[in-house]
Amino acid sequence: MASPTLDSPKQDNDGAISRREFIQKSALLTGGLTAATTIGDSFGSRKAYADQVDPNDPALTSSDVKFNSTDGTPVSGYLTRPKAGANLPAIVVIHENRGLTDHIRDVARRLAKTGYVALAPDLLSRQGGTRSFSNDEAAIAGIGKLDEESITKDLTGAVNYLKGQNFVRANKIGVVGFCWGGGNTLLIATRNKDLAAAVVYYGRNPKNLDDVQNVSAAVLGNYGEKDTAISSQVPKLDEAMKKYGKSFEYKIYPGAPHAFNNDTNSERYNPEAAKEAWGRTLDFFKKHLQS
């Protein structure tokens, strides 16, 4: 399980506020909405704090959903997909160690905008769901109570739910995860044969590297050079994947820290690495899910 020091609330959500909140606070300081809006537009152009896809984007159908884990436990999630189109490939989006945040919902919508059905399960559902926790620290503590077996059951339930939707291509399902979710991307890839592609963002290696012999999906890894606790272990994963003849490619992005893709984190976000990694991610999914 990922260390809390790597996925801490300070690092993953360092004082981030929405554009709306920023404008409201600026209005109090500047004495006017027009001036505040001008400041907000300049501020928001950095894409460091604002959602990249409007939750009400008219081209998408997005909603909270519920599905069953493999042991029958109800699991909540966020499902988003293009309004137009059928028989679409699908992707499970695994959140960081603070649960199903607005940022992860936005990541799911970004995938939906490129033609995928995206399902972001709330892996804190067994404890009442992410929104039942009063703060990030409480959510992180909740994540710490999860074990690999319940995570596997809930993620398998998410895959099964997607397979049962009439707008999903059941044989073209992928998974992507970030930080804690990156490690669990590798976990589910070793335990579910229904996955065609898996993308890891700075996630830890499986506890037992020999488990990768069970991987059937093609795997892509995105890692940060400064995230040495994790990136230093990637060559071992590469060696194990090669040992068992598995498809694995990865890149360690120069100068990038842990959580470099999280654009709600002003200290960690690295726009250059994030842009390149996202491009590689989309190319990878196109190759393995759209063919």
C-alpha atoms as a PDB file:
ATOM      1  CA  MET A   1       0.000   0.000   0.000  1.00  0.00           C
ATOM      2  CA  ALA A   2       1.279   3.453  -0.843  1.00  0.00           C
ATOM      3  CA  SER A   3       2.897   5.430   1.949  1.00  0.00           C
ATOM      4  CA  PRO A   4       0.789   8.253   3.417  1.00  0.00           C
ATOM      5  CA  THR A   5       3.833  10.513   3.082  1.00  0.00           C
ATOM      6  CA  LEU A   6       3.626  10.196  -0.682  1.00  0.00           C
ATOM      7  CA  ASP A   7      -0.116  10.715  -0.998  1.00  0.00           C
ATOM      8  CA  SER A   8      -0.592  13.155   1.863  1.00  0.00           C
ATOM      9  CA  PRO A   9      -3.318  15.809   1.669  1.00  0.00           C
ATOM     10  CA  LYS A  10      -0.727  18.578   1.784  1.00  0.00           C
ATOM     11  CA  GLN A  11       0.969  17.241  -1.307  1.00  0.00           C
ATOM     12  CA  ASP A  12      -2.137  16.197  -3.238  1.00  0.00           C
ATOM     13  CA  ASN A  13      -4.360  19.144  -2.369  1.00  0.00           C
ATOM     14  CA  ASP A  14      -2.104  21.950  -1.201  1.00  0.00           C
ATOM     15  CA  GLY A  15      -4.605  24.705  -0.593  1.00  0.00           C
ATOM     16  CA  ALA A  16      -6.273  24.160  -3.951  1.00  0.00           C
ATOM     17  CA  ILE A  17      -9.437  26.135  -4.526  1.00  0.00           C
ATOM     18  CA  SER A  18     -11.805  26.225  -7.451  1.00  0.00           C
ATOM     19  CA  ARG A  19     -11.959  29.114  -9.896  1.00  0.00           C
ATOM     20  CA  ARG A  20     -15.390  30.016  -8.487  1.00  0.00           C
ATOM     21  CA  GLU A  21     -14.043  30.141  -4.921  1.00  0.00           C
ATOM     22  CA  PHE A  22     -11.060  32.181  -6.053  1.00  0.00           C
ATOM     23  CA  ILE A  23     -13.275  34.741  -7.781  1.00  0.00           C
ATOM     24  CA  GLN A  24     -15.567  35.002  -4.777  1.00  0.00           C
ATOM     25  CA  LYS A  25     -12.647  35.642  -2.427  1.00  0.00           C
ATOM     26  CA  SER A  26     -10.999  38.053  -4.875  1.00  0.00           C
ATOM     27  CA  ALA A  27     -14.214  40.036  -5.122  1.00  0.00           C
ATOM     28  CA  LEU A  28     -14.071  40.727  -1.414  1.00  0.00           C
ATOM     29  CA  LEU A  29     -10.507  42.007  -1.728  1.00  0.00           C
ATOM     30  CA  THR A  30     -10.873  43.993  -4.973  1.00  0.00           C
ATOM     31  CA  GLY A  31     -14.323  45.344  -4.266  1.00  0.00           C
ATOM     32  CA  GLY A  32     -15.867  44.189  -7.510  1.00  0.00           C
ATOM     33  CA  LEU A  33     -16.852  41.105  -9.453  1.00  0.00           C
ATOM     34  CA  THR A  34     -15.408  42.387 -12.749  1.00  0.00           C
ATOM     35  CA  ALA A  35     -11.930  42.828 -11.333  1.00  0.00           C
ATOM     36  CA  ALA A  36     -12.150  39.513  -9.530  1.00  0.00           C
ATOM     37  CA  THR A  37     -13.245  37.728 -12.690  1.00  0.00           C
ATOM     38  CA  THR A  38     -10.316  39.202 -14.620  1.00  0.00           C
ATOM     39  CA  ILE A  39      -7.930  37.951 -11.971  1.00  0.00           C
ATOM     40  CA  GLY A  40      -9.669  34.575 -11.976  1.00  0.00           C
ATOM     41  CA  ASP A  41      -9.383  34.231 -15.746  1.00  0.00           C
ATOM     42  CA  SER A  42      -5.653  34.852 -15.603  1.00  0.00           C
ATOM     43  CA  PHE A  43      -5.266  32.523 -12.658  1.00  0.00           C
ATOM     44  CA  GLY A  44      -7.379  29.777 -14.205  1.00  0.00           C
ATOM     45  CA  SER A  45      -5.490  29.833 -17.493  1.00  0.00           C
ATOM     46  CA  ARG A  46      -2.678  27.923 -15.806  1.00  0.00           C
ATOM     47  CA  LYS A  47      -5.020  24.902 -15.534  1.00  0.00           C
ATOM     48  CA  ALA A  48      -3.543  24.275 -12.085  1.00  0.00           C
ATOM     49  CA  TYR A  49      -6.773  24.542 -10.118  1.00  0.00           C
ATOM     50  CA  ALA A  50      -9.719  24.472 -12.523  1.00  0.00           C
ATOM     51  CA  ASP A  51     -11.493  21.388 -13.814  1.00  0.00           C
ATOM     52  CA  GLN A  52     -10.525  20.614 -17.382  1.00  0.00           C
ATOM     53  CA  VAL A  53     -13.948  19.271 -18.367  1.00  0.00           C
ATOM     54  CA  ASP A  54     -17.178  20.870 -17.168  1.00  0.00           C
ATOM     55  CA  PRO A  55     -19.184  18.425 -15.009  1.00  0.00           C
ATOM     56  CA  ASN A  56     -22.204  19.477 -17.067  1.00  0.00           C
ATOM     57  CA  ASP A  57     -20.526  19.140 -20.444  1.00  0.00           C
ATOM     58  CA  PRO A  58     -23.428  18.728 -22.907  1.00  0.00           C
ATOM     59  CA  ALA A  59     -21.567  16.140 -24.955  1.00  0.00           C
ATOM     60  CA  LEU A  60     -21.344  13.761 -22.001  1.00  0.00           C
ATOM     61  CA  THR A  61     -23.710  11.718 -19.883  1.00  0.00           C
ATOM     62  CA  SER A  62     -22.314  11.741 -16.341  1.00  0.00           C
ATOM     63  CA  SER A  63     -23.821  10.506 -13.094  1.00  0.00           C
ATOM     64  CA  ASP A  64     -23.208   8.734  -9.814  1.00  0.00           C
ATOM     65  CA  VAL A  65     -23.942   5.013 -10.026  1.00  0.00           C
ATOM     66  CA  LYS A  66     -23.969   1.934  -7.828  1.00  0.00           C
ATOM     67  CA  PHE A  67     -22.852  -1.574  -8.687  1.00  0.00           C
ATOM     68  CA  ASN A  68     -22.144  -4.764  -6.776  1.00  0.00           C
ATOM     69  CA  SER A  69     -18.765  -6.001  -5.687  1.00  0.00           C
ATOM     70  CA  THR A  70     -18.165  -9.683  -6.340  1.00  0.00           C
ATOM     71  CA  ASP A  71     -19.231 -10.456  -2.756  1.00  0.00           C
ATOM     72  CA  GLY A  72     -22.469  -8.498  -3.181  1.00  0.00           C
ATOM     73  CA  THR A  73     -21.361  -5.364  -1.327  1.00  0.00           C
ATOM     74  CA  PRO A  74     -22.800  -2.186  -2.930  1.00  0.00           C
ATOM     75  CA  VAL A  75     -20.101   0.064  -4.378  1.00  0.00           C
ATOM     76  CA  SER A  76     -20.613   3.666  -5.443  1.00  0.00           C
ATOM     77  CA  GLY A  77     -18.945   5.185  -8.462  1.00  0.00           C
ATOM     78  CA  TYR A  78     -18.968   7.918 -11.060  1.00  0.00           C
ATOM     79  CA  LEU A  79     -19.815   6.978 -14.643  1.00  0.00           C
ATOM     80  CA  THR A  80     -19.263   9.306 -17.576  1.00  0.00           C
ATOM     81  CA  ARG A  81     -19.461   8.630 -21.309  1.00  0.00           C
ATOM     82  CA  PRO A  82     -20.108  10.307 -24.651  1.00  0.00           C
ATOM     83  CA  LYS A  83     -23.801  10.870 -25.361  1.00  0.00           C
ATOM     84  CA  ALA A  84     -23.241   9.818 -28.937  1.00  0.00           C
ATOM     85  CA  GLY A  85     -21.895   6.405 -29.830  1.00  0.00           C
ATOM     86  CA  ALA A  86     -22.339   2.799 -28.815  1.00  0.00           C
ATOM     87  CA  ASN A  87     -20.147  -0.252 -28.398  1.00  0.00           C
ATOM     88  CA  LEU A  88     -17.462   1.921 -26.798  1.00  0.00           C
ATOM     89  CA  PRO A  89     -14.267   0.829 -25.036  1.00  0.00           C
ATOM     90  CA  ALA A  90     -14.273   1.469 -21.301  1.00  0.00           C
ATOM     91  CA  ILE A  91     -11.755   2.422 -18.610  1.00  0.00           C
ATOM     92  CA  VAL A  92     -11.828   1.988 -14.832  1.00  0.00           C
ATOM     93  CA  VAL A  93     -10.240   5.020 -13.132  1.00  0.00           C
ATOM     94  CA  ILE A  94      -8.705   4.269  -9.708  1.00  0.00           C
ATOM     95  CA  HIS A  95      -8.390   7.187  -7.328  1.00  0.00           C
ATOM     96  CA  GLU A  96      -5.584   8.288  -5.040  1.00  0.00           C
ATOM     97  CA  ASN A  97      -5.551   7.632  -1.301  1.00  0.00           C
ATOM     98  CA  ARG A  98      -8.063  10.397  -0.505  1.00  0.00           C
ATOM     99  CA  GLY A  99     -10.913   8.609  -2.235  1.00  0.00           C
ATOM    100  CA  LEU A 100     -13.134   9.611  -5.140  1.00  0.00           C
ATOM    101  CA  THR A 101     -12.346  13.334  -5.365  1.00  0.00           C
ATOM    102  CA  ASP A 102     -13.575  15.942  -7.838  1.00  0.00           C
ATOM    103  CA  HIS A 103     -10.164  15.744  -9.516  1.00  0.00           C
ATOM    104  CA  ILE A 104     -10.584  12.030 -10.264  1.00  0.00           C
ATOM    105  CA  ARG A 105     -14.103  12.661 -11.544  1.00  0.00           C
ATOM    106  CA  ASP A 106     -12.593  15.228 -13.874  1.00  0.00           C
ATOM    107  CA  VAL A 107      -9.963  12.737 -15.074  1.00  0.00           C
ATOM    108  CA  ALA A 108     -12.809  10.347 -15.888  1.00  0.00           C
ATOM    109  CA  ARG A 109     -14.541  13.070 -17.916  1.00  0.00           C
ATOM    110  CA  ARG A 110     -11.314  13.776 -19.811  1.00  0.00           C
ATOM    111  CA  LEU A 111     -11.312  10.145 -20.909  1.00  0.00           C
ATOM    112  CA  ALA A 112     -14.996  10.333 -21.819  1.00  0.00           C
ATOM    113  CA  LYS A 113     -14.266  13.358 -24.016  1.00  0.00           C
ATOM    114  CA  THR A 114     -11.855  11.207 -26.005  1.00  0.00           C
ATOM    115  CA  GLY A 115     -14.440   8.495 -26.646  1.00  0.00           C
ATOM    116  CA  TYR A 116     -14.377   6.170 -23.655  1.00  0.00           C
ATOM    117  CA  VAL A 117     -16.870   5.043 -21.074  1.00  0.00           C
ATOM    118  CA  ALA A 118     -15.111   5.866 -17.804  1.00  0.00           C
ATOM    119  CA  LEU A 119     -16.044   4.456 -14.404  1.00  0.00           C
ATOM    120  CA  ALA A 120     -14.353   5.796 -11.260  1.00  0.00           C
ATOM    121  CA  PRO A 121     -15.302   3.504  -8.358  1.00  0.00           C
ATOM    122  CA  ASP A 122     -15.310   4.809  -4.797  1.00  0.00           C
ATOM    123  CA  LEU A 123     -13.153   2.291  -2.993  1.00  0.00           C
ATOM    124  CA  LEU A 124     -14.179   3.781   0.347  1.00  0.00           C
ATOM    125  CA  SER A 125     -17.741   2.581  -0.266  1.00  0.00           C
ATOM    126  CA  ARG A 126     -17.426  -0.176   2.340  1.00  0.00           C
ATOM    127  CA  GLN A 127     -16.858   2.564   4.921  1.00  0.00           C
ATOM    128  CA  GLY A 128     -19.687   4.836   3.837  1.00  0.00           C
ATOM    129  CA  GLY A 129     -18.067   6.447   0.803  1.00  0.00           C
ATOM    130  CA  THR A 130     -15.577   9.261   0.327  1.00  0.00           C
ATOM    131  CA  ARG A 131     -18.088  12.003   1.081  1.00  0.00           C
ATOM    132  CA  SER A 132     -18.822  10.518   4.496  1.00  0.00           C
ATOM    133  CA  PHE A 133     -15.328  11.450   5.687  1.00  0.00           C
ATOM    134  CA  SER A 134     -14.925  14.877   7.268  1.00  0.00           C
ATOM    135  CA  ASN A 135     -11.478  15.628   5.831  1.00  0.00           C
ATOM    136  CA  ASP A 136      -8.566  14.238   3.843  1.00  0.00           C
ATOM    137  CA  GLU A 137      -6.837  12.827   6.899  1.00  0.00           C
ATOM    138  CA  ALA A 138      -9.902  10.773   7.786  1.00  0.00           C
ATOM    139  CA  ALA A 139     -10.205   9.488   4.212  1.00  0.00           C
ATOM    140  CA  ILE A 140      -6.533   8.501   4.180  1.00  0.00           C
ATOM    141  CA  ALA A 141      -7.060   6.614   7.436  1.00  0.00           C
ATOM    142  CA  GLY A 142     -10.023   4.850   5.833  1.00  0.00           C
ATOM    143  CA  ILE A 143      -7.915   3.857   2.841  1.00  0.00           C
ATOM    144  CA  GLY A 144      -5.382   2.422   5.264  1.00  0.00           C
ATOM    145  CA  LYS A 145      -7.990  -0.043   6.520  1.00  0.00           C
ATOM    146  CA  LEU A 146      -8.525  -1.597   3.093  1.00  0.00           C
ATOM    147  CA  ASP A 147      -6.921  -4.890   2.126  1.00  0.00           C
ATOM    148  CA  GLU A 148      -6.013  -6.329  -1.244  1.00  0.00           C
ATOM    149  CA  GLU A 149      -8.852  -8.836  -1.210  1.00  0.00           C
ATOM    150  CA  SER A 150     -11.633  -6.269  -0.793  1.00  0.00           C
ATOM    151  CA  ILE A 151      -9.963  -3.961  -3.322  1.00  0.00           C
ATOM    152  CA  THR A 152      -9.780  -6.825  -5.808  1.00  0.00           C
ATOM    153  CA  LYS A 153     -13.441  -7.704  -5.268  1.00  0.00           C
ATOM    154  CA  ASP A 154     -14.590  -4.104  -5.729  1.00  0.00           C
ATOM    155  CA  LEU A 155     -12.470  -3.447  -8.819  1.00  0.00           C
ATOM    156  CA  THR A 156     -13.576  -6.752 -10.348  1.00  0.00           C
ATOM    157  CA  GLY A 157     -17.135  -5.656  -9.633  1.00  0.00           C
ATOM    158  CA  ALA A 158     -16.432  -2.436 -11.529  1.00  0.00           C
ATOM    159  CA  VAL A 159     -15.141  -4.392 -14.537  1.00  0.00           C
ATOM    160  CA  ASN A 160     -18.155  -6.695 -14.410  1.00  0.00           C
ATOM    161  CA  TYR A 161     -20.502  -3.709 -14.251  1.00  0.00           C
ATOM    162  CA  LEU A 162     -18.935  -2.227 -17.377  1.00  0.00           C
ATOM    163  CA  LYS A 163     -19.112  -5.569 -19.182  1.00  0.00           C
ATOM    164  CA  GLY A 164     -22.843  -5.635 -18.506  1.00  0.00           C
ATOM    165  CA  GLN A 165     -23.592  -2.254 -20.109  1.00  0.00           C
ATOM    166  CA  ASN A 166     -25.014  -2.408 -23.635  1.00  0.00           C
ATOM    167  CA  PHE A 167     -22.918   0.598 -24.712  1.00  0.00           C
ATOM    168  CA  VAL A 168     -19.581  -1.024 -23.702  1.00  0.00           C
ATOM    169  CA  ARG A 169     -17.338  -3.298 -25.751  1.00  0.00           C
ATOM    170  CA  ALA A 170     -16.916  -6.026 -23.157  1.00  0.00           C
ATOM    171  CA  ASN A 171     -13.578  -7.218 -24.552  1.00  0.00           C
ATOM    172  CA  LYS A 172     -12.033  -3.723 -24.613  1.00  0.00           C
ATOM    173  CA  ILE A 173     -11.786  -2.613 -21.005  1.00  0.00           C
ATOM    174  CA  GLY A 174      -8.776  -0.874 -19.510  1.00  0.00           C
ATOM    175  CA  VAL A 175      -7.730   0.562 -16.167  1.00  0.00           C
ATOM    176  CA  VAL A 176      -5.741   3.609 -15.073  1.00  0.00           C
ATOM    177  CA  GLY A 177      -4.752   4.612 -11.554  1.00  0.00           C
ATOM    178  CA  PHE A 178      -2.830   7.339  -9.769  1.00  0.00           C
ATOM    179  CA  CYS A 179      -0.551   7.099  -6.701  1.00  0.00           C
ATOM    180  CA  TRP A 180      -2.314   4.589  -4.422  1.00  0.00           C
ATOM    181  CA  GLY A 181      -4.558   3.855  -7.382  1.00  0.00           C
ATOM    182  CA  GLY A 182      -1.500   3.244  -9.542  1.00  0.00           C
ATOM    183  CA  GLY A 183      -0.388   0.456  -7.254  1.00  0.00           C
ATOM    184  CA  ASN A 184      -3.865  -1.026  -7.341  1.00  0.00           C
ATOM    185  CA  THR A 185      -3.872  -0.805 -11.127  1.00  0.00           C
ATOM    186  CA  LEU A 186      -1.020  -3.290 -11.059  1.00  0.00           C
ATOM    187  CA  LEU A 187      -2.826  -5.329  -8.405  1.00  0.00           C
ATOM    188  CA  ILE A 188      -5.990  -5.752 -10.463  1.00  0.00           C
ATOM    189  CA  ALA A 189      -3.952  -6.366 -13.615  1.00  0.00           C
ATOM    190  CA  THR A 190      -2.453  -9.417 -11.884  1.00  0.00           C
ATOM    191  CA  ARG A 191      -5.912 -10.667 -10.835  1.00  0.00           C
ATOM    192  CA  ASN A 192      -8.308  -9.932 -13.679  1.00  0.00           C
ATOM    193  CA  LYS A 193      -8.046 -11.479 -17.128  1.00  0.00           C
ATOM    194  CA  ASP A 194     -10.742  -9.215 -18.618  1.00  0.00           C
ATOM    195  CA  LEU A 195      -8.449  -6.190 -18.866  1.00  0.00           C
ATOM    196  CA  ALA A 196      -6.899  -5.336 -22.217  1.00  0.00           C
ATOM    197  CA  ALA A 197      -4.749  -2.392 -21.078  1.00  0.00           C
ATOM    198  CA  ALA A 198      -3.478  -0.910 -17.813  1.00  0.00           C
ATOM    199  CA  VAL A 199      -1.803   2.464 -17.218  1.00  0.00           C
ATOM    200  CA  VAL A 200       0.075   3.125 -13.988  1.00  0.00           C
ATOM    201  CA  TYR A 201       0.828   6.621 -12.735  1.00  0.00           C
ATOM    202  CA  TYR A 202       3.578   6.473 -10.078  1.00  0.00           C
ATOM    203  CA  GLY A 203       2.162   3.404  -8.357  1.00  0.00           C
ATOM    204  CA  ARG A 204       4.090   0.921  -6.263  1.00  0.00           C
ATOM    205  CA  ASN A 205       5.121  -2.481  -7.589  1.00  0.00           C
ATOM    206  CA  PRO A 206       3.177  -5.583  -6.550  1.00  0.00           C
ATOM    207  CA  LYS A 207       4.368  -6.969  -3.211  1.00  0.00           C
ATOM    208  CA  ASN A 208       5.302 -10.183  -4.986  1.00  0.00           C
ATOM    209  CA  LEU A 209       6.781  -9.355  -8.385  1.00  0.00           C
ATOM    210  CA  ASP A 210       6.218 -12.914  -9.553  1.00  0.00           C
ATOM    211  CA  ASP A 211       2.492 -12.114  -9.551  1.00  0.00           C
ATOM    212  CA  VAL A 212       3.009 -10.322 -12.866  1.00  0.00           C
ATOM    213  CA  GLN A 213       3.037 -13.737 -14.531  1.00  0.00           C
ATOM    214  CA  ASN A 214      -0.769 -13.502 -14.261  1.00  0.00           C
ATOM    215  CA  VAL A 215      -1.022 -10.224 -16.186  1.00  0.00           C
ATOM    216  CA  SER A 216      -2.850 -10.458 -19.499  1.00  0.00           C
ATOM    217  CA  ALA A 217      -3.167  -6.707 -20.196  1.00  0.00           C
ATOM    218  CA  ALA A 218      -0.569  -4.569 -21.897  1.00  0.00           C
ATOM    219  CA  VAL A 219       0.905  -2.220 -19.261  1.00  0.00           C
ATOM    220  CA  LEU A 220       2.203   1.347 -19.493  1.00  0.00           C
ATOM    221  CA  GLY A 221       3.971   3.108 -16.631  1.00  0.00           C
ATOM    222  CA  ASN A 222       4.417   6.840 -15.989  1.00  0.00           C
ATOM    223  CA  TYR A 223       6.872   7.762 -13.226  1.00  0.00           C
ATOM    224  CA  GLY A 224       8.614  10.843 -11.853  1.00  0.00           C
ATOM    225  CA  GLU A 225      12.393  11.121 -11.610  1.00  0.00           C
ATOM    226  CA  LYS A 226      12.169  12.834  -8.212  1.00  0.00           C
ATOM    227  CA  ASP A 227       9.788  10.191  -6.895  1.00  0.00           C
ATOM    228  CA  THR A 228      12.754   7.992  -6.074  1.00  0.00           C
ATOM    229  CA  ALA A 229      10.995   5.730  -3.567  1.00  0.00           C
ATOM    230  CA  ILE A 230       8.852   4.435  -6.422  1.00  0.00           C
ATOM    231  CA  SER A 231      10.798   5.130  -9.610  1.00  0.00           C
ATOM    232  CA  SER A 232      13.906   3.375  -8.279  1.00  0.00           C
ATOM    233  CA  GLN A 233      11.909   0.135  -8.145  1.00  0.00           C
ATOM    234  CA  VAL A 234      10.621   0.288 -11.723  1.00  0.00           C
ATOM    235  CA  PRO A 235      13.613  -1.580 -13.231  1.00  0.00           C
ATOM    236  CA  LYS A 236      12.718  -4.541 -11.009  1.00  0.00           C
ATOM    237  CA  LEU A 237       9.166  -4.477 -12.374  1.00  0.00           C
ATOM    238  CA  ASP A 238      10.521  -4.263 -15.902  1.00  0.00           C
ATOM    239  CA  GLU A 239      12.772  -7.244 -15.267  1.00  0.00           C
ATOM    240  CA  ALA A 240       9.890  -9.312 -13.908  1.00  0.00           C
ATOM    241  CA  MET A 241       7.629  -8.409 -16.830  1.00  0.00           C
ATOM    242  CA  LYS A 242      10.342  -9.424 -19.281  1.00  0.00           C
ATOM    243  CA  LYS A 243      10.933 -12.649 -17.357  1.00  0.00           C
ATOM    244  CA  TYR A 244       7.328 -13.685 -17.914  1.00  0.00           C
ATOM    245  CA  GLY A 245       7.045 -12.305 -21.443  1.00  0.00           C
ATOM    246  CA  LYS A 246       4.593  -9.536 -20.566  1.00  0.00           C
ATOM    247  CA  SER A 247       4.006  -6.294 -22.460  1.00  0.00           C
ATOM    248  CA  PHE A 248       5.398  -3.395 -20.433  1.00  0.00           C
ATOM    249  CA  GLU A 249       6.681   0.010 -21.425  1.00  0.00           C
ATOM    250  CA  TYR A 250       7.411   2.949 -19.193  1.00  0.00           C
ATOM    251  CA  LYS A 251       8.983   6.355 -18.915  1.00  0.00           C
ATOM    252  CA  ILE A 252      10.534   8.165 -15.962  1.00  0.00           C
ATOM    253  CA  TYR A 253       9.942  11.885 -16.541  1.00  0.00           C
ATOM    254  CA  PRO A 254      12.972  14.100 -15.824  1.00  0.00           C
ATOM    255  CA  GLY A 255      12.469  16.526 -12.950  1.00  0.00           C
ATOM    256  CA  ALA A 256       8.943  15.296 -12.202  1.00  0.00           C
ATOM    257  CA  PRO A 257       7.890  14.484  -8.623  1.00  0.00           C
ATOM    258  CA  HIS A 258       5.284  12.107  -7.265  1.00  0.00           C
ATOM    259  CA  ALA A 259       1.713  13.100  -8.272  1.00  0.00           C
ATOM    260  CA  PHE A 260       2.972  15.200 -11.187  1.00  0.00           C
ATOM    261  CA  ASN A 261      -0.298  14.713 -13.090  1.00  0.00           C
ATOM    262  CA  ASN A 262      -2.512  16.148 -10.340  1.00  0.00           C
ATOM    263  CA  ASP A 263      -3.326  19.675 -11.496  1.00  0.00           C
ATOM    264  CA  THR A 264      -5.063  20.495  -8.211  1.00  0.00           C
ATOM    265  CA  ASN A 265      -1.688  20.317  -6.465  1.00  0.00           C
ATOM    266  CA  SER A 266       0.356  23.478  -7.011  1.00  0.00           C
ATOM    267  CA  GLU A 267       3.548  22.012  -5.523  1.00  0.00           C
ATOM    268  CA  ARG A 268       3.508  18.679  -7.323  1.00  0.00           C
ATOM    269  CA  TYR A 269       1.903  19.416 -10.671  1.00  0.00           C
ATOM    270  CA  ASN A 270       4.405  19.342 -13.538  1.00  0.00           C
ATOM    271  CA  PRO A 271       2.578  20.533 -16.685  1.00  0.00           C
ATOM    272  CA  GLU A 272       5.235  19.344 -19.123  1.00  0.00           C
ATOM    273  CA  ALA A 273       5.410  15.819 -17.710  1.00  0.00           C
ATOM    274  CA  ALA A 274       1.641  15.674 -17.258  1.00  0.00           C
ATOM    275  CA  LYS A 275       0.997  16.673 -20.860  1.00  0.00           C
ATOM    276  CA  GLU A 276       3.440  14.144 -22.274  1.00  0.00           C
ATOM    277  CA  ALA A 277       2.257  11.343 -19.988  1.00  0.00           C
ATOM    278  CA  TRP A 278      -1.384  12.033 -20.853  1.00  0.00           C
ATOM    279  CA  GLY A 279      -0.569  11.948 -24.542  1.00  0.00           C
ATOM    280  CA  ARG A 280       1.228   8.633 -24.119  1.00  0.00           C
ATOM    281  CA  THR A 281      -1.715   7.331 -22.101  1.00  0.00           C
ATOM    282  CA  LEU A 282      -4.234   8.217 -24.804  1.00  0.00           C
ATOM    283  CA  ASP A 283      -2.036   6.725 -27.529  1.00  0.00           C
ATOM    284  CA  PHE A 284      -1.647   3.551 -25.483  1.00  0.00           C
ATOM    285  CA  PHE A 285      -5.373   3.178 -24.884  1.00  0.00           C
ATOM    286  CA  LYS A 286      -6.096   3.897 -28.538  1.00  0.00           C
ATOM    287  CA  LYS A 287      -3.729   1.124 -29.572  1.00  0.00           C
ATOM    288  CA  HIS A 288      -5.050  -1.490 -27.171  1.00  0.00           C
ATOM    289  CA  LEU A 289      -8.711  -0.563 -26.712  1.00  0.00           C
ATOM    290  CA  GLN A 290      -9.826   0.919 -30.009  1.00  0.00           C
ATOM    291  CA  SER A 291      -8.419  -1.611 -32.450  1.00  0.00           C
END
